[in-house]
Amino acid sequence: MAQNYELTKYHKIFKNTSWGTFETYVGYPLPEIVSNRNAFIQTHNIVAQKNPHSAFYRIMREGNYTQLMDHCESYEDDKGRLVHVYSKHPNGLVPVPFYERIPPIYALDQHTMIRKYETAKSKRLAK
């Protein structure tokens, strides 16, 4: 049976995400989510998927917001920044500072939030 990542244009990036490893079935994933994921890569110039724990430690240093986040994913953009996204049902969504809403990439009934963190690599590339 196919997995979600195989429906996107970016197999290498989504292959090891939690969402990417789910098996597809009739009606899942929704075409809008696949389309939103492809657009997410293009819009935010994503070049790689990163271990979600790399963002976890940054978030913990700034305040214990991790309990407010579900379905976390981490990426790297073409400027070397850490791009952290999470999705959560609106009724449980508590605003986390510096995160912005983007089109949903996990489920249509969830809000997806994004934040880009500067890293040592992004600072080096900016010079």
N, C-alpha and C. Protein backbone atom coordinates (compact mmCIF):
# COMPACT_ATOMS: atom_id res chain seq x y z
N MET A 1 0.84 -1.19 0.00
CA MET A 1 0.00 0.00 0.00
C MET A 1 0.89 1.25 0.00
N ALA A 2 0.45 2.28 -0.68
CA ALA A 2 1.22 3.52 -0.78
C ALA A 2 1.20 4.30 0.53
N GLN A 3 2.19 5.17 0.67
CA GLN A 3 2.24 6.06 1.83
C GLN A 3 2.02 7.49 1.36
N ASN A 4 1.58 8.34 2.30
CA ASN A 4 1.24 9.72 1.97
C ASN A 4 2.33 10.46 1.21
N TYR A 5 3.57 10.32 1.64
CA TYR A 5 4.65 11.08 1.00
C TYR A 5 4.73 10.83 -0.50
N GLU A 6 4.32 9.64 -0.93
CA GLU A 6 4.40 9.28 -2.34
C GLU A 6 3.43 10.08 -3.21
N LEU A 7 2.44 10.72 -2.60
CA LEU A 7 1.48 11.52 -3.34
C LEU A 7 1.95 12.95 -3.56
N THR A 8 3.02 13.34 -2.87
CA THR A 8 3.55 14.70 -3.01
C THR A 8 4.61 14.74 -4.10
N LYS A 9 5.03 15.96 -4.45
CA LYS A 9 6.13 16.16 -5.39
C LYS A 9 7.48 16.05 -4.69
N TYR A 10 7.48 15.95 -3.38
CA TYR A 10 8.70 16.04 -2.59
C TYR A 10 8.88 14.81 -1.70
N HIS A 11 9.06 13.67 -2.35
CA HIS A 11 9.19 12.40 -1.64
C HIS A 11 10.28 12.43 -0.58
N LYS A 12 11.46 12.91 -0.97
CA LYS A 12 12.60 12.89 -0.06
C LYS A 12 12.34 13.71 1.21
N ILE A 13 11.67 14.83 1.07
CA ILE A 13 11.42 15.70 2.21
C ILE A 13 10.35 15.13 3.14
N PHE A 14 9.28 14.58 2.59
CA PHE A 14 8.16 14.12 3.42
C PHE A 14 8.26 12.65 3.84
N LYS A 15 9.20 11.90 3.27
CA LYS A 15 9.26 10.46 3.50
C LYS A 15 9.36 10.08 4.97
N ASN A 16 10.11 10.83 5.76
CA ASN A 16 10.33 10.46 7.16
C ASN A 16 9.52 11.29 8.16
N THR A 17 8.53 12.02 7.67
CA THR A 17 7.65 12.73 8.60
C THR A 17 6.57 11.76 9.07
N SER A 18 5.97 12.05 10.20
CA SER A 18 4.89 11.20 10.70
C SER A 18 3.77 11.12 9.67
N TRP A 19 3.34 12.26 9.14
CA TRP A 19 2.27 12.30 8.14
C TRP A 19 2.68 11.50 6.91
N GLY A 20 3.90 11.64 6.49
CA GLY A 20 4.37 10.98 5.28
C GLY A 20 4.36 9.47 5.35
N THR A 21 4.49 8.92 6.55
CA THR A 21 4.54 7.46 6.71
C THR A 21 3.17 6.81 6.83
N PHE A 22 2.11 7.61 6.97
CA PHE A 22 0.76 7.02 7.02
C PHE A 22 0.44 6.37 5.69
N GLU A 23 -0.27 5.27 5.75
CA GLU A 23 -0.71 4.60 4.53
C GLU A 23 -1.93 5.32 3.96
N THR A 24 -1.95 5.40 2.64
CA THR A 24 -3.08 6.03 1.97
C THR A 24 -4.23 5.04 1.88
N TYR A 25 -5.43 5.58 1.75
CA TYR A 25 -6.61 4.77 1.47
C TYR A 25 -7.61 5.68 0.77
N VAL A 26 -8.69 5.13 0.29
CA VAL A 26 -9.67 5.91 -0.47
C VAL A 26 -10.13 7.09 0.37
N GLY A 27 -9.94 8.30 -0.17
CA GLY A 27 -10.35 9.52 0.52
C GLY A 27 -9.31 10.09 1.48
N TYR A 28 -8.17 9.43 1.62
CA TYR A 28 -7.13 9.94 2.52
C TYR A 28 -5.77 9.70 1.88
N PRO A 29 -4.92 10.67 1.91
CA PRO A 29 -5.15 12.03 2.40
C PRO A 29 -5.96 12.83 1.40
N LEU A 30 -6.56 13.89 1.88
CA LEU A 30 -7.34 14.75 1.00
C LEU A 30 -6.42 15.45 0.00
N PRO A 31 -6.88 15.60 -1.24
CA PRO A 31 -6.06 16.27 -2.26
C PRO A 31 -5.62 17.68 -1.83
N GLU A 32 -6.47 18.38 -1.05
CA GLU A 32 -6.12 19.73 -0.59
C GLU A 32 -4.89 19.71 0.31
N ILE A 33 -4.77 18.68 1.14
CA ILE A 33 -3.62 18.58 2.03
C ILE A 33 -2.36 18.31 1.23
N VAL A 34 -2.44 17.41 0.26
CA VAL A 34 -1.29 17.13 -0.60
C VAL A 34 -0.88 18.40 -1.34
N SER A 35 -1.85 19.11 -1.89
CA SER A 35 -1.57 20.36 -2.60
C SER A 35 -0.95 21.40 -1.66
N ASN A 36 -1.49 21.51 -0.44
CA ASN A 36 -0.94 22.46 0.54
C ASN A 36 0.49 22.10 0.92
N ARG A 37 0.79 20.82 1.02
CA ARG A 37 2.15 20.40 1.35
C ARG A 37 3.12 20.75 0.22
N ASN A 38 2.71 20.52 -1.02
CA ASN A 38 3.56 20.90 -2.15
C ASN A 38 3.79 22.41 -2.15
N ALA A 39 2.73 23.18 -1.92
CA ALA A 39 2.84 24.65 -1.89
C ALA A 39 3.71 25.11 -0.72
N PHE A 40 3.61 24.44 0.42
CA PHE A 40 4.42 24.76 1.60
C PHE A 40 5.91 24.69 1.25
N ILE A 41 6.31 23.63 0.57
CA ILE A 41 7.72 23.46 0.19
C ILE A 41 8.17 24.61 -0.72
N GLN A 42 7.34 24.95 -1.69
CA GLN A 42 7.67 26.00 -2.65
C GLN A 42 7.65 27.38 -2.01
N THR A 43 6.63 27.68 -1.26
CA THR A 43 6.46 29.00 -0.65
C THR A 43 7.56 29.32 0.35
N HIS A 44 7.95 28.32 1.12
CA HIS A 44 8.92 28.55 2.20
C HIS A 44 10.33 28.07 1.85
N ASN A 45 10.53 27.72 0.56
CA ASN A 45 11.86 27.32 0.07
C ASN A 45 12.50 26.24 0.93
N ILE A 46 11.73 25.21 1.23
CA ILE A 46 12.20 24.11 2.06
C ILE A 46 13.15 23.23 1.24
N VAL A 47 14.28 22.87 1.85
CA VAL A 47 15.26 22.02 1.17
C VAL A 47 15.45 20.67 1.85
N ALA A 48 15.06 20.55 3.12
CA ALA A 48 15.26 19.29 3.84
C ALA A 48 14.32 19.19 5.03
N GLN A 49 14.06 17.96 5.41
CA GLN A 49 13.32 17.69 6.63
C GLN A 49 14.34 17.53 7.74
N LYS A 50 14.03 18.02 8.93
CA LYS A 50 14.95 17.95 10.07
C LYS A 50 14.29 17.18 11.20
N ASN A 51 15.11 16.71 12.11
CA ASN A 51 14.60 16.03 13.28
C ASN A 51 13.75 17.02 14.09
N PRO A 52 12.50 16.66 14.44
CA PRO A 52 11.65 17.61 15.17
C PRO A 52 12.21 18.01 16.53
N HIS A 53 13.12 17.20 17.09
CA HIS A 53 13.69 17.56 18.39
C HIS A 53 14.59 18.78 18.31
N SER A 54 15.11 19.11 17.13
CA SER A 54 15.93 20.30 17.00
C SER A 54 15.12 21.56 17.29
N ALA A 55 13.87 21.57 16.92
CA ALA A 55 13.00 22.70 17.24
C ALA A 55 12.52 22.63 18.68
N PHE A 56 12.29 21.43 19.17
CA PHE A 56 11.79 21.25 20.53
C PHE A 56 12.66 21.98 21.55
N TYR A 57 13.96 21.83 21.44
CA TYR A 57 14.85 22.46 22.41
C TYR A 57 14.85 23.97 22.30
N ARG A 58 14.71 24.50 21.11
CA ARG A 58 14.62 25.96 20.94
C ARG A 58 13.35 26.48 21.61
N ILE A 59 12.26 25.77 21.40
CA ILE A 59 10.97 26.18 21.96
C ILE A 59 11.02 26.12 23.48
N MET A 60 11.61 25.07 24.01
CA MET A 60 11.69 24.92 25.47
C MET A 60 12.49 26.06 26.10
N ARG A 61 13.55 26.51 25.44
CA ARG A 61 14.35 27.62 25.99
C ARG A 61 13.54 28.91 26.05
N GLU A 62 12.60 29.08 25.13
CA GLU A 62 11.84 30.32 25.07
C GLU A 62 10.58 30.30 25.92
N GLY A 63 10.19 29.17 26.40
CA GLY A 63 8.97 29.02 27.18
C GLY A 63 8.39 27.66 26.89
N ASN A 64 7.78 27.06 27.86
CA ASN A 64 7.31 25.69 27.70
C ASN A 64 6.00 25.64 26.91
N TYR A 65 6.12 25.79 25.60
CA TYR A 65 4.96 25.79 24.73
C TYR A 65 4.69 24.44 24.08
N THR A 66 5.59 23.48 24.28
CA THR A 66 5.47 22.22 23.54
C THR A 66 4.16 21.50 23.85
N GLN A 67 3.61 21.65 25.04
CA GLN A 67 2.35 20.99 25.37
C GLN A 67 1.19 21.57 24.57
N LEU A 68 1.39 22.72 23.95
CA LEU A 68 0.34 23.36 23.15
C LEU A 68 0.39 22.94 21.69
N MET A 69 1.38 22.11 21.33
CA MET A 69 1.61 21.78 19.92
C MET A 69 1.37 20.30 19.65
N ASP A 70 0.74 20.01 18.52
CA ASP A 70 0.56 18.63 18.05
C ASP A 70 1.12 18.54 16.63
N HIS A 71 1.42 17.33 16.22
CA HIS A 71 1.83 17.05 14.85
C HIS A 71 2.97 17.97 14.39
N CYS A 72 4.00 18.04 15.21
CA CYS A 72 5.15 18.91 14.92
C CYS A 72 6.01 18.32 13.80
N GLU A 73 6.51 19.19 12.96
CA GLU A 73 7.44 18.83 11.90
C GLU A 73 8.48 19.95 11.81
N SER A 74 9.71 19.58 11.46
CA SER A 74 10.79 20.55 11.34
C SER A 74 11.47 20.39 9.99
N TYR A 75 11.85 21.53 9.43
CA TYR A 75 12.47 21.56 8.11
C TYR A 75 13.60 22.57 8.12
N GLU A 76 14.37 22.58 7.03
CA GLU A 76 15.39 23.60 6.82
C GLU A 76 15.06 24.29 5.51
N ASP A 77 15.17 25.63 5.50
CA ASP A 77 14.92 26.36 4.25
C ASP A 77 16.24 26.65 3.55
N ASP A 78 16.14 27.28 2.38
CA ASP A 78 17.34 27.53 1.57
C ASP A 78 18.28 28.57 2.18
N LYS A 79 17.87 29.20 3.27
CA LYS A 79 18.73 30.16 3.97
C LYS A 79 19.32 29.54 5.22
N GLY A 80 19.09 28.23 5.43
CA GLY A 80 19.64 27.54 6.58
C GLY A 80 18.84 27.69 7.85
N ARG A 81 17.66 28.30 7.76
CA ARG A 81 16.83 28.48 8.95
C ARG A 81 16.08 27.20 9.30
N LEU A 82 15.81 27.04 10.57
CA LEU A 82 14.98 25.95 11.06
C LEU A 82 13.53 26.40 10.91
N VAL A 83 12.74 25.63 10.18
CA VAL A 83 11.33 25.96 9.96
C VAL A 83 10.51 24.94 10.75
N HIS A 84 9.80 25.42 11.76
CA HIS A 84 9.02 24.54 12.61
C HIS A 84 7.53 24.78 12.34
N VAL A 85 6.80 23.68 12.14
CA VAL A 85 5.35 23.77 11.97
C VAL A 85 4.68 22.81 12.93
N TYR A 86 3.47 23.18 13.33
CA TYR A 86 2.64 22.27 14.10
C TYR A 86 1.20 22.49 13.69
N SER A 87 0.39 21.45 13.90
CA SER A 87 -1.04 21.53 13.57
C SER A 87 -1.84 21.14 14.80
N LYS A 88 -2.97 21.82 14.98
CA LYS A 88 -3.79 21.57 16.17
C LYS A 88 -5.23 21.95 15.85
N HIS A 89 -6.16 21.23 16.50
CA HIS A 89 -7.58 21.57 16.34
C HIS A 89 -7.83 22.97 16.90
N PRO A 90 -8.64 23.78 16.21
CA PRO A 90 -8.88 25.16 16.65
C PRO A 90 -9.40 25.27 18.08
N ASN A 91 -10.22 24.30 18.53
CA ASN A 91 -10.76 24.42 19.89
C ASN A 91 -9.70 24.22 20.96
N GLY A 92 -8.54 23.66 20.61
CA GLY A 92 -7.46 23.50 21.57
C GLY A 92 -6.28 24.39 21.27
N LEU A 93 -6.44 25.28 20.29
CA LEU A 93 -5.33 26.12 19.85
C LEU A 93 -5.14 27.30 20.79
N VAL A 94 -3.96 27.39 21.35
CA VAL A 94 -3.56 28.53 22.18
C VAL A 94 -2.44 29.21 21.41
N PRO A 95 -2.54 30.52 21.18
CA PRO A 95 -1.49 31.20 20.42
C PRO A 95 -0.11 31.03 21.06
N VAL A 96 0.86 30.69 20.25
CA VAL A 96 2.24 30.59 20.68
C VAL A 96 2.97 31.76 20.04
N PRO A 97 3.71 32.55 20.83
CA PRO A 97 4.38 33.74 20.29
C PRO A 97 5.22 33.45 19.05
N PHE A 98 5.13 34.34 18.09
CA PHE A 98 5.93 34.36 16.86
C PHE A 98 5.54 33.31 15.83
N TYR A 99 4.49 32.55 16.06
CA TYR A 99 4.01 31.59 15.06
C TYR A 99 2.89 32.24 14.26
N GLU A 100 2.84 31.92 12.98
CA GLU A 100 1.81 32.45 12.09
C GLU A 100 1.05 31.28 11.46
N ARG A 101 -0.18 31.54 11.11
CA ARG A 101 -1.01 30.50 10.50
C ARG A 101 -0.73 30.40 9.00
N ILE A 102 -0.66 29.16 8.52
CA ILE A 102 -0.52 28.88 7.08
C ILE A 102 -1.62 27.89 6.69
N PRO A 103 -1.84 27.66 5.41
CA PRO A 103 -2.83 26.66 5.01
C PRO A 103 -2.53 25.30 5.65
N PRO A 104 -3.55 24.54 6.01
CA PRO A 104 -3.34 23.29 6.74
C PRO A 104 -2.55 22.26 5.94
N ILE A 105 -1.59 21.62 6.63
CA ILE A 105 -0.80 20.57 5.98
C ILE A 105 -0.97 19.22 6.67
N TYR A 106 -1.81 19.15 7.68
CA TYR A 106 -2.04 17.88 8.38
C TYR A 106 -3.46 17.39 8.17
N ALA A 107 -4.43 18.25 8.46
CA ALA A 107 -5.85 17.93 8.27
C ALA A 107 -6.60 19.25 8.08
N LEU A 108 -7.67 19.21 7.29
CA LEU A 108 -8.40 20.45 7.01
C LEU A 108 -9.07 21.04 8.24
N ASP A 109 -9.36 20.21 9.23
CA ASP A 109 -10.02 20.73 10.44
C ASP A 109 -9.02 21.16 11.51
N GLN A 110 -7.75 21.29 11.13
CA GLN A 110 -6.73 21.76 12.06
C GLN A 110 -6.04 23.01 11.52
N HIS A 111 -5.59 23.83 12.43
CA HIS A 111 -4.81 25.01 12.05
C HIS A 111 -3.34 24.60 12.04
N THR A 112 -2.63 25.02 11.01
CA THR A 112 -1.18 24.79 10.94
C THR A 112 -0.49 26.13 11.18
N MET A 113 0.49 26.08 12.08
CA MET A 113 1.23 27.28 12.47
C MET A 113 2.70 27.08 12.12
N ILE A 114 3.38 28.20 11.78
CA ILE A 114 4.77 28.14 11.34
C ILE A 114 5.61 29.20 12.04
N ARG A 115 6.87 28.85 12.26
CA ARG A 115 7.86 29.82 12.73
C ARG A 115 9.20 29.44 12.13
N LYS A 116 9.98 30.46 11.77
CA LYS A 116 11.33 30.24 11.26
C LYS A 116 12.32 30.75 12.29
N TYR A 117 13.28 29.89 12.61
CA TYR A 117 14.31 30.21 13.60
C TYR A 117 15.64 30.41 12.89
N GLU A 118 16.36 31.44 13.29
CA GLU A 118 17.73 31.62 12.81
C GLU A 118 18.60 30.53 13.44
N THR A 119 19.58 30.08 12.70
CA THR A 119 20.51 29.07 13.19
C THR A 119 21.93 29.55 12.91
N ALA A 120 22.90 28.84 13.45
CA ALA A 120 24.29 29.18 13.17
C ALA A 120 24.54 29.11 11.65
N LYS A 121 23.94 28.12 11.01
CA LYS A 121 24.11 27.97 9.55
C LYS A 121 23.50 29.15 8.80
N SER A 122 22.30 29.57 9.20
CA SER A 122 21.66 30.69 8.49
C SER A 122 22.43 31.98 8.69
N LYS A 123 23.01 32.17 9.86
CA LYS A 123 23.81 33.37 10.11
C LYS A 123 25.08 33.34 9.27
N ARG A 124 25.67 32.16 9.13
CA ARG A 124 26.89 32.01 8.32
C ARG A 124 26.57 32.28 6.85
N LEU A 125 25.45 31.76 6.36
CA LEU A 125 25.06 31.95 4.96
C LEU A 125 24.70 33.40 4.65
N ALA A 126 24.26 34.15 5.65
CA ALA A 126 23.85 35.55 5.44
C ALA A 126 25.04 36.48 5.29
N LYS A 127 26.20 36.03 5.68
CA LYS A 127 27.41 36.89 5.61
C LYS A 127 27.87 37.07 4.19
